[in-house]
């Protein structure tokens, strides 16, 4: 009964727990800062990719017709060589 009323009983555990809580709080803040940095880096990468895509999109549209015709020719050649019964 006397130990239950004594304020010094369990003081070491309480102090250790408070220190651990403080360390965990600091670590949480550090992780939140790092998370924010990663988000900013990812957003920057996405914007950069979009800028590159917008920069080269007109060039791809110009060359798009040639690529489609070439692809159709390749598919026809493949069909004739591998499936001649379809073309007779």
C-alpha atoms as a PDB file:
ATOM      1  CA  UNK A   1       0.000   0.000   0.000  1.00  0.00           C
ATOM      2  CA  UNK A   2       2.830   2.349   0.867  1.00  0.00           C
ATOM      3  CA  UNK A   3       4.443   1.777  -2.573  1.00  0.00           C
ATOM      4  CA  UNK A   4       1.250   2.739  -4.371  1.00  0.00           C
ATOM      5  CA  UNK A   5       1.309   6.139  -2.688  1.00  0.00           C
ATOM      6  CA  UNK A   6       5.046   6.757  -3.113  1.00  0.00           C
ATOM      7  CA  UNK A   7       5.586   9.111  -6.125  1.00  0.00           C
ATOM      8  CA  UNK A   8       9.139   7.886  -6.753  1.00  0.00           C
ATOM      9  CA  UNK A   9       8.015   4.319  -7.504  1.00  0.00           C
ATOM     10  CA  UNK A  10       7.959   3.812 -11.267  1.00  0.00           C
ATOM     11  CA  UNK A  11       9.605   7.153 -11.919  1.00  0.00           C
ATOM     12  CA  UNK A  12      12.431   5.573 -13.938  1.00  0.00           C
ATOM     13  CA  UNK A  13       9.982   3.786 -16.217  1.00  0.00           C
ATOM     14  CA  UNK A  14       7.929   6.949 -16.658  1.00  0.00           C
ATOM     15  CA  UNK A  15      11.016   8.991 -17.527  1.00  0.00           C
ATOM     16  CA  UNK A  16      12.210   6.336 -19.986  1.00  0.00           C
ATOM     17  CA  UNK A  17       8.785   6.223 -21.622  1.00  0.00           C
ATOM     18  CA  UNK A  18       8.671  10.016 -21.942  1.00  0.00           C
ATOM     19  CA  UNK A  19      12.115  10.015 -23.598  1.00  0.00           C
ATOM     20  CA  UNK A  20      11.029   7.278 -25.981  1.00  0.00           C
ATOM     21  CA  UNK A  21       7.850   9.182 -26.858  1.00  0.00           C
ATOM     22  CA  UNK A  22       9.937  12.284 -27.542  1.00  0.00           C
ATOM     23  CA  UNK A  23      12.300  10.297 -29.818  1.00  0.00           C
ATOM     24  CA  UNK A  24       9.356   8.808 -31.660  1.00  0.00           C
ATOM     25  CA  UNK A  25       7.798  12.252 -32.131  1.00  0.00           C
ATOM     26  CA  UNK A  26      11.036  13.605 -33.570  1.00  0.00           C
ATOM     27  CA  UNK A  27      11.307  10.600 -35.910  1.00  0.00           C
ATOM     28  CA  UNK A  28       7.719  11.115 -37.063  1.00  0.00           C
ATOM     29  CA  UNK A  29       8.445  14.750 -37.912  1.00  0.00           C
ATOM     30  CA  UNK A  30      11.565  13.693 -39.791  1.00  0.00           C
ATOM     31  CA  UNK A  31       9.608  11.100 -41.783  1.00  0.00           C
ATOM     32  CA  UNK A  32       6.903  13.638 -42.613  1.00  0.00           C
ATOM     33  CA  UNK A  33       9.519  16.079 -43.921  1.00  0.00           C
ATOM     34  CA  UNK A  34      11.094  13.336 -46.056  1.00  0.00           C
ATOM     35  CA  UNK A  35       7.680  12.328 -47.368  1.00  0.00           C
ATOM     36  CA  UNK A  36       6.997  15.921 -48.390  1.00  0.00           C
ATOM     37  CA  UNK A  37      10.366  16.085 -50.172  1.00  0.00           C
ATOM     38  CA  UNK A  38       9.564  12.904 -52.081  1.00  0.00           C
ATOM     39  CA  UNK A  39       6.172  14.253 -53.099  1.00  0.00           C
ATOM     40  CA  UNK A  40       7.756  17.449 -54.400  1.00  0.00           C
ATOM     41  CA  UNK A  41      10.369  15.441 -56.342  1.00  0.00           C
ATOM     42  CA  UNK A  42       7.703  13.223 -57.892  1.00  0.00           C
ATOM     43  CA  UNK A  43       5.579  16.211 -58.894  1.00  0.00           C
ATOM     44  CA  UNK A  44       8.628  17.848 -60.442  1.00  0.00           C
ATOM     45  CA  UNK A  45       9.382  14.678 -62.415  1.00  0.00           C
ATOM     46  CA  UNK A  46       5.804  14.477 -63.663  1.00  0.00           C
ATOM     47  CA  UNK A  47       5.821  18.117 -64.762  1.00  0.00           C
ATOM     48  CA  UNK A  48       9.156  17.640 -66.498  1.00  0.00           C
ATOM     49  CA  UNK A  49       7.856  14.577 -68.331  1.00  0.00           C
ATOM     50  CA  UNK A  50       4.744  16.471 -69.421  1.00  0.00           C
ATOM     51  CA  UNK A  51       6.865  19.358 -70.663  1.00  0.00           C
ATOM     52  CA  UNK A  52       9.013  16.992 -72.714  1.00  0.00           C
ATOM     53  CA  UNK A  53       5.934  15.267 -74.073  1.00  0.00           C
ATOM     54  CA  UNK A  54       4.342  18.579 -75.072  1.00  0.00           C
ATOM     55  CA  UNK A  55       7.583  19.704 -76.668  1.00  0.00           C
ATOM     56  CA  UNK A  56       7.868  16.649 -78.929  1.00  0.00           C
ATOM     57  CA  UNK A  57       4.163  15.986 -79.534  1.00  0.00           C
ATOM     58  CA  UNK A  58       3.940  18.061 -82.761  1.00  0.00           C
ATOM     59  CA  UNK A  59       6.901  16.169 -84.229  1.00  0.00           C
ATOM     60  CA  UNK A  60       5.264  12.846 -83.435  1.00  0.00           C
ATOM     61  CA  UNK A  61       2.026  13.928 -85.129  1.00  0.00           C
ATOM     62  CA  UNK A  62       3.912  14.810 -88.318  1.00  0.00           C
ATOM     63  CA  UNK A  63       5.667  11.444 -88.419  1.00  0.00           C
ATOM     64  CA  UNK A  64       2.560   9.573 -87.289  1.00  0.00           C
ATOM     65  CA  UNK A  65       1.195   8.917 -90.787  1.00  0.00           C
ATOM     66  CA  UNK A  66       4.432   7.375 -92.014  1.00  0.00           C
ATOM     67  CA  UNK A  67       4.668   5.093 -89.006  1.00  0.00           C
ATOM     68  CA  UNK A  68       1.104   3.860 -89.469  1.00  0.00           C
ATOM     69  CA  UNK A  69       1.662   3.115 -93.162  1.00  0.00           C
ATOM     70  CA  UNK A  70       4.880   1.267 -92.349  1.00  0.00           C
ATOM     71  CA  UNK A  71       3.116  -0.747 -89.664  1.00  0.00           C
ATOM     72  CA  UNK A  72       0.299  -1.691 -92.055  1.00  0.00           C
ATOM     73  CA  UNK A  73       2.831  -2.776 -94.687  1.00  0.00           C
ATOM     74  CA  UNK A  74       4.683  -4.888 -92.117  1.00  0.00           C
ATOM     75  CA  UNK A  75       1.440  -6.538 -91.004  1.00  0.00           C
ATOM     76  CA  UNK A  76       0.476  -7.300 -94.624  1.00  0.00           C
ATOM     77  CA  UNK A  77       3.909  -8.795 -95.286  1.00  0.00           C
ATOM     78  CA  UNK A  78       3.625 -10.900 -92.136  1.00  0.00           C
ATOM     79  CA  UNK A  79       0.148 -12.097 -93.104  1.00  0.00           C
ATOM     80  CA  UNK A  80       1.204 -13.069 -96.648  1.00  0.00           C
ATOM     81  CA  UNK A  81       4.295 -14.971 -95.515  1.00  0.00           C
ATOM     82  CA  UNK A  82       2.765 -16.730 -92.491  1.00  0.00           C
ATOM     83  CA  UNK A  83      -0.830 -17.200 -93.673  1.00  0.00           C
ATOM     84  CA  UNK A  84      -0.789 -17.538 -97.502  1.00  0.00           C
ATOM     85  CA  UNK A  85      -4.110 -19.409 -97.507  1.00  0.00           C
ATOM     86  CA  UNK A  86      -5.844 -16.169 -96.518  1.00  0.00           C
ATOM     87  CA  UNK A  87      -4.513 -14.324 -99.577  1.00  0.00           C
ATOM     88  CA  UNK A  88      -5.283 -16.864-102.293  1.00  0.00           C
END
